[in-house]
Amino acid sequence: YTTAKCVTVTVGDKFTDIYRDGGVRVLLVVEI
């Protein structure tokens, strides 16, 4: 899916929180 700001999210992408110390969580996109 491509957002209104032209950023594409794909199943399998990984993200982490900016404000958590040391990037504690990694979020794996499993479905859109």
PDB file of all heavy atoms in Angstrom:
ATOM      1  N   TYR A   1       0.868  -1.185   0.000  1.00  0.00           N
ATOM      2  CA  TYR A   1       0.000   0.000   0.000  1.00  0.00           C
ATOM      3  C   TYR A   1       0.897   1.225   0.000  1.00  0.00           C
ATOM      4  O   TYR A   1       1.916   1.266   0.712  1.00  0.00           O
ATOM      5  CB  TYR A   1      -0.898   0.006   1.245  1.00  0.00           C
ATOM      6  CG  TYR A   1      -1.709   1.270   1.386  1.00  0.00           C
ATOM      7  CD1 TYR A   1      -2.819   1.488   0.585  1.00  0.00           C
ATOM      8  CD2 TYR A   1      -1.355   2.251   2.299  1.00  0.00           C
ATOM      9  CE1 TYR A   1      -3.559   2.652   0.697  1.00  0.00           C
ATOM     10  CE2 TYR A   1      -2.091   3.415   2.422  1.00  0.00           C
ATOM     11  CZ  TYR A   1      -3.194   3.611   1.616  1.00  0.00           C
ATOM     12  OH  TYR A   1      -3.916   4.774   1.724  1.00  0.00           O
ATOM     13  N   THR A   2       0.533   2.232  -0.784  1.00  0.00           N
ATOM     14  CA  THR A   2       1.269   3.491  -0.821  1.00  0.00           C
ATOM     15  C   THR A   2       0.428   4.568  -0.165  1.00  0.00           C
ATOM     16  O   THR A   2      -0.718   4.788  -0.552  1.00  0.00           O
ATOM     17  CB  THR A   2       1.606   3.890  -2.273  1.00  0.00           C
ATOM     18  OG1 THR A   2       2.350   2.816  -2.870  1.00  0.00           O
ATOM     19  CG2 THR A   2       2.430   5.155  -2.312  1.00  0.00           C
ATOM     20  N   THR A   3       0.999   5.235   0.842  1.00  0.00           N
ATOM     21  CA  THR A   3       0.284   6.260   1.600  1.00  0.00           C
ATOM     22  C   THR A   3       0.156   7.541   0.782  1.00  0.00           C
ATOM     23  O   THR A   3       0.753   7.675  -0.285  1.00  0.00           O
ATOM     24  CB  THR A   3       1.019   6.590   2.913  1.00  0.00           C
ATOM     25  OG1 THR A   3       2.275   7.202   2.597  1.00  0.00           O
ATOM     26  CG2 THR A   3       1.228   5.349   3.757  1.00  0.00           C
ATOM     27  N   ALA A   4      -0.596   8.506   1.317  1.00  0.00           N
ATOM     28  CA  ALA A   4      -0.771   9.802   0.659  1.00  0.00           C
ATOM     29  C   ALA A   4       0.556  10.550   0.527  1.00  0.00           C
ATOM     30  O   ALA A   4       0.718  11.378  -0.357  1.00  0.00           O
ATOM     31  CB  ALA A   4      -1.773  10.651   1.442  1.00  0.00           C
ATOM     32  N   LYS A   5       1.522  10.234   1.382  1.00  0.00           N
ATOM     33  CA  LYS A   5       2.850  10.868   1.318  1.00  0.00           C
ATOM     34  C   LYS A   5       3.825  10.047   0.486  1.00  0.00           C
ATOM     35  O   LYS A   5       5.038  10.228   0.568  1.00  0.00           O
ATOM     36  CB  LYS A   5       3.395  11.084   2.723  1.00  0.00           C
ATOM     37  CG  LYS A   5       2.575  12.104   3.484  1.00  0.00           C
ATOM     38  CD  LYS A   5       3.211  12.459   4.797  1.00  0.00           C
ATOM     39  CE  LYS A   5       2.372  13.533   5.475  1.00  0.00           C
ATOM     40  NZ  LYS A   5       2.942  13.970   6.733  1.00  0.00           N
ATOM     41  N   CYS A   6       3.290   9.123  -0.319  1.00  0.00           N
ATOM     42  CA  CYS A   6       4.060   8.315  -1.276  1.00  0.00           C
ATOM     43  C   CYS A   6       5.084   7.400  -0.613  1.00  0.00           C
ATOM     44  O   CYS A   6       6.169   7.174  -1.151  1.00  0.00           O
ATOM     45  CB  CYS A   6       4.730   9.210  -2.311  1.00  0.00           C
ATOM     46  SG  CYS A   6       3.549  10.119  -3.313  1.00  0.00           S
ATOM     47  N   VAL A   7       4.749   6.870   0.548  1.00  0.00           N
ATOM     48  CA  VAL A   7       5.588   5.874   1.215  1.00  0.00           C
ATOM     49  C   VAL A   7       4.877   4.532   1.075  1.00  0.00           C
ATOM     50  O   VAL A   7       3.706   4.411   1.409  1.00  0.00           O
ATOM     51  CB  VAL A   7       5.798   6.220   2.710  1.00  0.00           C
ATOM     52  CG1 VAL A   7       6.655   5.172   3.383  1.00  0.00           C
ATOM     53  CG2 VAL A   7       6.416   7.601   2.856  1.00  0.00           C
ATOM     54  N   THR A   8       5.594   3.550   0.577  1.00  0.00           N
ATOM     55  CA  THR A   8       5.002   2.231   0.342  1.00  0.00           C
ATOM     56  C   THR A   8       5.306   1.288   1.501  1.00  0.00           C
ATOM     57  O   THR A   8       6.448   1.200   1.951  1.00  0.00           O
ATOM     58  CB  THR A   8       5.526   1.635  -0.973  1.00  0.00           C
ATOM     59  OG1 THR A   8       5.192   2.523  -2.039  1.00  0.00           O
ATOM     60  CG2 THR A   8       4.918   0.270  -1.239  1.00  0.00           C
ATOM     61  N   VAL A   9       4.270   0.604   1.961  1.00  0.00           N
ATOM     62  CA  VAL A   9       4.395  -0.432   2.984  1.00  0.00           C
ATOM     63  C   VAL A   9       4.108  -1.758   2.292  1.00  0.00           C
ATOM     64  O   VAL A   9       3.121  -1.872   1.562  1.00  0.00           O
ATOM     65  CB  VAL A   9       3.370  -0.213   4.129  1.00  0.00           C
ATOM     66  CG1 VAL A   9       3.483  -1.315   5.158  1.00  0.00           C
ATOM     67  CG2 VAL A   9       3.543   1.141   4.755  1.00  0.00           C
ATOM     68  N   THR A  10       4.956  -2.746   2.523  1.00  0.00           N
ATOM     69  CA  THR A  10       4.807  -4.054   1.900  1.00  0.00           C
ATOM     70  C   THR A  10       4.783  -5.127   2.987  1.00  0.00           C
ATOM     71  O   THR A  10       5.449  -4.972   4.013  1.00  0.00           O
ATOM     72  CB  THR A  10       5.989  -4.316   0.941  1.00  0.00           C
ATOM     73  OG1 THR A  10       6.062  -3.231   0.014  1.00  0.00           O
ATOM     74  CG2 THR A  10       5.821  -5.609   0.181  1.00  0.00           C
ATOM     75  N   VAL A  11       4.028  -6.181   2.752  1.00  0.00           N
ATOM     76  CA  VAL A  11       4.032  -7.312   3.682  1.00  0.00           C
ATOM     77  C   VAL A  11       5.469  -7.805   3.805  1.00  0.00           C
ATOM     78  O   VAL A  11       6.162  -7.983   2.805  1.00  0.00           O
ATOM     79  CB  VAL A  11       3.102  -8.443   3.181  1.00  0.00           C
ATOM     80  CG1 VAL A  11       3.266  -9.688   4.028  1.00  0.00           C
ATOM     81  CG2 VAL A  11       1.657  -7.975   3.188  1.00  0.00           C
ATOM     82  N   GLY A  12       5.932  -7.979   5.039  1.00  0.00           N
ATOM     83  CA  GLY A  12       7.301  -8.403   5.295  1.00  0.00           C
ATOM     84  C   GLY A  12       8.217  -7.271   5.726  1.00  0.00           C
ATOM     85  O   GLY A  12       9.321  -7.514   6.209  1.00  0.00           O
ATOM     86  N   ASP A  13       7.786  -6.006   5.541  1.00  0.00           N
ATOM     87  CA  ASP A  13       8.582  -4.864   6.003  1.00  0.00           C
ATOM     88  C   ASP A  13       8.692  -4.881   7.513  1.00  0.00           C
ATOM     89  O   ASP A  13       7.791  -5.345   8.211  1.00  0.00           O
ATOM     90  CB  ASP A  13       7.946  -3.531   5.582  1.00  0.00           C
ATOM     91  CG  ASP A  13       8.138  -3.205   4.120  1.00  0.00           C
ATOM     92  OD1 ASP A  13       8.899  -3.927   3.441  1.00  0.00           O
ATOM     93  OD2 ASP A  13       7.526  -2.228   3.657  1.00  0.00           O
ATOM     94  N   LYS A  14       9.800  -4.346   8.028  1.00  0.00           N
ATOM     95  CA  LYS A  14      10.014  -4.249   9.470  1.00  0.00           C
ATOM     96  C   LYS A  14      10.220  -2.790   9.855  1.00  0.00           C
ATOM     97  O   LYS A  14      10.891  -2.048   9.142  1.00  0.00           O
ATOM     98  CB  LYS A  14      11.238  -5.054   9.892  1.00  0.00           C
ATOM     99  CG  LYS A  14      11.104  -6.531   9.678  1.00  0.00           C
ATOM    100  CD  LYS A  14      12.380  -7.227  10.085  1.00  0.00           C
ATOM    101  CE  LYS A  14      12.358  -8.685   9.681  1.00  0.00           C
ATOM    102  NZ  LYS A  14      13.660  -9.311   9.909  1.00  0.00           N
ATOM    103  N   PHE A  15       9.635  -2.412  10.991  1.00  0.00           N
ATOM    104  CA  PHE A  15       9.762  -1.059  11.525  1.00  0.00           C
ATOM    105  C   PHE A  15      10.121  -1.153  13.004  1.00  0.00           C
ATOM    106  O   PHE A  15       9.839  -2.158  13.650  1.00  0.00           O
ATOM    107  CB  PHE A  15       8.440  -0.295  11.381  1.00  0.00           C
ATOM    108  CG  PHE A  15       8.054  -0.009   9.966  1.00  0.00           C
ATOM    109  CD1 PHE A  15       7.366  -0.944   9.212  1.00  0.00           C
ATOM    110  CD2 PHE A  15       8.383   1.196   9.367  1.00  0.00           C
ATOM    111  CE1 PHE A  15       7.004  -0.690   7.901  1.00  0.00           C
ATOM    112  CE2 PHE A  15       8.025   1.461   8.061  1.00  0.00           C
ATOM    113  CZ  PHE A  15       7.339   0.516   7.323  1.00  0.00           C
ATOM    114  N   THR A  16      10.722  -0.080  13.527  1.00  0.00           N
ATOM    115  CA  THR A  16      11.012  -0.013  14.958  1.00  0.00           C
ATOM    116  C   THR A  16      10.568   1.342  15.495  1.00  0.00           C
ATOM    117  O   THR A  16      10.474   2.315  14.738  1.00  0.00           O
ATOM    118  CB  THR A  16      12.504  -0.273  15.249  1.00  0.00           C
ATOM    119  OG1 THR A  16      12.673  -0.405  16.662  1.00  0.00           O
ATOM    120  CG2 THR A  16      13.383   0.865  14.769  1.00  0.00           C
ATOM    121  N   ASP A  17      10.286   1.409  16.784  1.00  0.00           N
ATOM    122  CA  ASP A  17       9.872   2.651  17.428  1.00  0.00           C
ATOM    123  C   ASP A  17      11.056   3.607  17.524  1.00  0.00           C
ATOM    124  O   ASP A  17      12.152   3.197  17.895  1.00  0.00           O
ATOM    125  CB  ASP A  17       9.372   2.378  18.851  1.00  0.00           C
ATOM    126  CG  ASP A  17       8.205   1.425  18.876  1.00  0.00           C
ATOM    127  OD1 ASP A  17       7.109   1.862  18.541  1.00  0.00           O
ATOM    128  OD2 ASP A  17       8.420   0.254  19.232  1.00  0.00           O
ATOM    129  N   ILE A  18      10.828   4.874  17.246  1.00  0.00           N
ATOM    130  CA  ILE A  18      11.870   5.893  17.349  1.00  0.00           C
ATOM    131  C   ILE A  18      12.187   6.193  18.812  1.00  0.00           C
ATOM    132  O   ILE A  18      13.338   6.340  19.186  1.00  0.00           O
ATOM    133  CB  ILE A  18      11.433   7.192  16.632  1.00  0.00           C
ATOM    134  CG1 ILE A  18      11.294   6.947  15.133  1.00  0.00           C
ATOM    135  CG2 ILE A  18      12.384   8.334  16.924  1.00  0.00           C
ATOM    136  CD1 ILE A  18      12.574   6.653  14.411  1.00  0.00           C
ATOM    137  N   TYR A  19      11.172   6.276  19.654  1.00  0.00           N
ATOM    138  CA  TYR A  19      11.354   6.756  21.018  1.00  0.00           C
ATOM    139  C   TYR A  19      11.619   5.674  22.056  1.00  0.00           C
ATOM    140  O   TYR A  19      11.708   5.965  23.228  1.00  0.00           O
ATOM    141  CB  TYR A  19      10.147   7.593  21.441  1.00  0.00           C
ATOM    142  CG  TYR A  19      10.064   8.862  20.640  1.00  0.00           C
ATOM    143  CD1 TYR A  19       9.070   9.035  19.686  1.00  0.00           C
ATOM    144  CD2 TYR A  19      10.997   9.866  20.800  1.00  0.00           C
ATOM    145  CE1 TYR A  19       9.011  10.184  18.931  1.00  0.00           C
ATOM    146  CE2 TYR A  19      10.942  11.024  20.049  1.00  0.00           C
ATOM    147  CZ  TYR A  19       9.949  11.179  19.115  1.00  0.00           C
ATOM    148  OH  TYR A  19       9.885  12.316  18.368  1.00  0.00           O
ATOM    149  N   ARG A  20      11.764   4.441  21.656  1.00  0.00           N
ATOM    150  CA  ARG A  20      12.111   3.387  22.619  1.00  0.00           C
ATOM    151  C   ARG A  20      13.627   3.237  22.631  1.00  0.00           C
ATOM    152  O   ARG A  20      14.256   3.190  21.591  1.00  0.00           O
ATOM    153  CB  ARG A  20      11.455   2.061  22.252  1.00  0.00           C
ATOM    154  CG  ARG A  20       9.970   2.099  22.457  1.00  0.00           C
ATOM    155  CD  ARG A  20       9.420   0.700  22.347  1.00  0.00           C
ATOM    156  NE  ARG A  20       7.985   0.736  22.438  1.00  0.00           N
ATOM    157  CZ  ARG A  20       7.297   0.114  23.367  1.00  0.00           C
ATOM    158  NH1 ARG A  20       7.899  -0.599  24.280  1.00  0.00           N
ATOM    159  NH2 ARG A  20       5.992   0.180  23.381  1.00  0.00           N
ATOM    160  N   ASP A  21      14.199   3.133  23.808  1.00  0.00           N
ATOM    161  CA  ASP A  21      15.648   2.995  23.933  1.00  0.00           C
ATOM    162  C   ASP A  21      16.135   1.720  23.253  1.00  0.00           C
ATOM    163  O   ASP A  21      15.649   0.627  23.526  1.00  0.00           O
ATOM    164  CB  ASP A  21      16.062   2.972  25.411  1.00  0.00           C
ATOM    165  CG  ASP A  21      15.781   4.301  26.094  1.00  0.00           C
ATOM    166  OD1 ASP A  21      15.797   5.329  25.392  1.00  0.00           O
ATOM    167  OD2 ASP A  21      15.552   4.299  27.308  1.00  0.00           O
ATOM    168  N   GLY A  22      17.108   1.883  22.382  1.00  0.00           N
ATOM    169  CA  GLY A  22      17.722   0.721  21.748  1.00  0.00           C
ATOM    170  C   GLY A  22      16.862  -0.002  20.733  1.00  0.00           C
ATOM    171  O   GLY A  22      17.180  -1.109  20.339  1.00  0.00           O
ATOM    172  N   GLY A  23      15.773   0.612  20.270  1.00  0.00           N
ATOM    173  CA  GLY A  23      14.917  -0.048  19.293  1.00  0.00           C
ATOM    174  C   GLY A  23      14.410  -1.379  19.812  1.00  0.00           C
ATOM    175  O   GLY A  23      14.582  -2.416  19.188  1.00  0.00           O
ATOM    176  N   VAL A  24      13.797  -1.357  20.971  1.00  0.00           N
ATOM    177  CA  VAL A  24      13.374  -2.569  21.666  1.00  0.00           C
ATOM    178  C   VAL A  24      12.447  -3.427  20.815  1.00  0.00           C
ATOM    179  O   VAL A  24      12.624  -4.624  20.720  1.00  0.00           O
ATOM    180  CB  VAL A  24      12.697  -2.208  23.007  1.00  0.00           C
ATOM    181  CG1 VAL A  24      12.121  -3.432  23.676  1.00  0.00           C
ATOM    182  CG2 VAL A  24      13.669  -1.499  23.912  1.00  0.00           C
ATOM    183  N   ARG A  25      11.441  -2.811  20.196  1.00  0.00           N
ATOM    184  CA  ARG A  25      10.471  -3.591  19.412  1.00  0.00           C
ATOM    185  C   ARG A  25      10.776  -3.499  17.928  1.00  0.00           C
ATOM    186  O   ARG A  25      11.124  -2.449  17.422  1.00  0.00           O
ATOM    187  CB  ARG A  25       9.050  -3.044  19.611  1.00  0.00           C
ATOM    188  CG  ARG A  25       8.513  -3.147  20.965  1.00  0.00           C
ATOM    189  CD  ARG A  25       7.042  -2.825  21.039  1.00  0.00           C
ATOM    190  NE  ARG A  25       6.636  -1.673  20.258  1.00  0.00           N
ATOM    191  CZ  ARG A  25       5.368  -1.357  20.003  1.00  0.00           C
ATOM    192  NH1 ARG A  25       4.397  -2.095  20.491  1.00  0.00           N
ATOM    193  NH2 ARG A  25       5.062  -0.304  19.297  1.00  0.00           N
ATOM    194  N   VAL A  26      10.609  -4.607  17.248  1.00  0.00           N
ATOM    195  CA  VAL A  26      10.622  -4.615  15.786  1.00  0.00           C
ATOM    196  C   VAL A  26       9.253  -5.099  15.357  1.00  0.00           C
ATOM    197  O   VAL A  26       8.786  -6.149  15.795  1.00  0.00           O
ATOM    198  CB  VAL A  26      11.735  -5.521  15.222  1.00  0.00           C
ATOM    199  CG1 VAL A  26      11.628  -5.619  13.712  1.00  0.00           C
ATOM    200  CG2 VAL A  26      13.101  -4.990  15.620  1.00  0.00           C
ATOM    201  N   LEU A  27       8.588  -4.313  14.512  1.00  0.00           N
ATOM    202  CA  LEU A  27       7.239  -4.618  14.047  1.00  0.00           C
ATOM    203  C   LEU A  27       7.322  -5.191  12.641  1.00  0.00           C
ATOM    204  O   LEU A  27       7.833  -4.550  11.735  1.00  0.00           O
ATOM    205  CB  LEU A  27       6.380  -3.349  14.046  1.00  0.00           C
ATOM    206  CG  LEU A  27       6.432  -2.490  15.312  1.00  0.00           C
ATOM    207  CD1 LEU A  27       5.580  -1.251  15.130  1.00  0.00           C
ATOM    208  CD2 LEU A  27       6.005  -3.277  16.514  1.00  0.00           C
ATOM    209  N   LEU A  28       6.815  -6.391  12.455  1.00  0.00           N
ATOM    210  CA  LEU A  28       6.810  -7.064  11.161  1.00  0.00           C
ATOM    211  C   LEU A  28       5.417  -6.962  10.561  1.00  0.00           C
ATOM    212  O   LEU A  28       4.438  -7.390  11.178  1.00  0.00           O
ATOM    213  CB  LEU A  28       7.196  -8.536  11.328  1.00  0.00           C
ATOM    214  CG  LEU A  28       7.068  -9.422  10.090  1.00  0.00           C
ATOM    215  CD1 LEU A  28       8.097  -9.004   9.036  1.00  0.00           C
ATOM    216  CD2 LEU A  28       7.233 -10.878  10.458  1.00  0.00           C
ATOM    217  N   VAL A  29       5.308  -6.376   9.368  1.00  0.00           N
ATOM    218  CA  VAL A  29       4.023  -6.250   8.682  1.00  0.00           C
ATOM    219  C   VAL A  29       3.613  -7.632   8.185  1.00  0.00           C
ATOM    220  O   VAL A  29       4.344  -8.258   7.409  1.00  0.00           O
ATOM    221  CB  VAL A  29       4.114  -5.250   7.507  1.00  0.00           C
ATOM    222  CG1 VAL A  29       2.803  -5.204   6.733  1.00  0.00           C
ATOM    223  CG2 VAL A  29       4.498  -3.863   8.012  1.00  0.00           C
ATOM    224  N   VAL A  30       2.453  -8.121   8.645  1.00  0.00           N
ATOM    225  CA  VAL A  30       2.003  -9.458   8.250  1.00  0.00           C
ATOM    226  C   VAL A  30       0.821  -9.432   7.282  1.00  0.00           C
ATOM    227  O   VAL A  30       0.591 -10.398   6.567  1.00  0.00           O
ATOM    228  CB  VAL A  30       1.654 -10.335   9.481  1.00  0.00           C
ATOM    229  CG1 VAL A  30       2.894 -10.626  10.296  1.00  0.00           C
ATOM    230  CG2 VAL A  30       0.587  -9.710  10.332  1.00  0.00           C
ATOM    231  N   GLU A  31       0.077  -8.327   7.264  1.00  0.00           N
ATOM    232  CA  GLU A  31      -1.069  -8.234   6.358  1.00  0.00           C
ATOM    233  C   GLU A  31      -1.443  -6.770   6.178  1.00  0.00           C
ATOM    234  O   GLU A  31      -1.281  -5.962   7.082  1.00  0.00           O
ATOM    235  CB  GLU A  31      -2.252  -8.995   6.937  1.00  0.00           C
ATOM    236  CG  GLU A  31      -3.431  -9.128   6.007  1.00  0.00           C
ATOM    237  CD  GLU A  31      -4.548  -9.979   6.596  1.00  0.00           C
ATOM    238  OE1 GLU A  31      -4.275 -10.815   7.476  1.00  0.00           O
ATOM    239  OE2 GLU A  31      -5.685  -9.784   6.166  1.00  0.00           O
ATOM    240  N   ILE A  32      -1.968  -6.452   5.001  1.00  0.00           N
ATOM    241  CA  ILE A  32      -2.437  -5.100   4.703  1.00  0.00           C
ATOM    242  C   ILE A  32      -3.887  -5.211   4.245  1.00  0.00           C
ATOM    243  O   ILE A  32      -4.192  -5.956   3.317  1.00  0.00           O
ATOM    244  CB  ILE A  32      -1.571  -4.434   3.624  1.00  0.00           C
ATOM    245  CG1 ILE A  32      -0.113  -4.345   4.112  1.00  0.00           C
ATOM    246  CG2 ILE A  32      -2.115  -3.055   3.278  1.00  0.00           C
ATOM    247  CD1 ILE A  32       0.866  -3.882   3.074  1.00  0.00           C
TER     248      ILE A  32
END
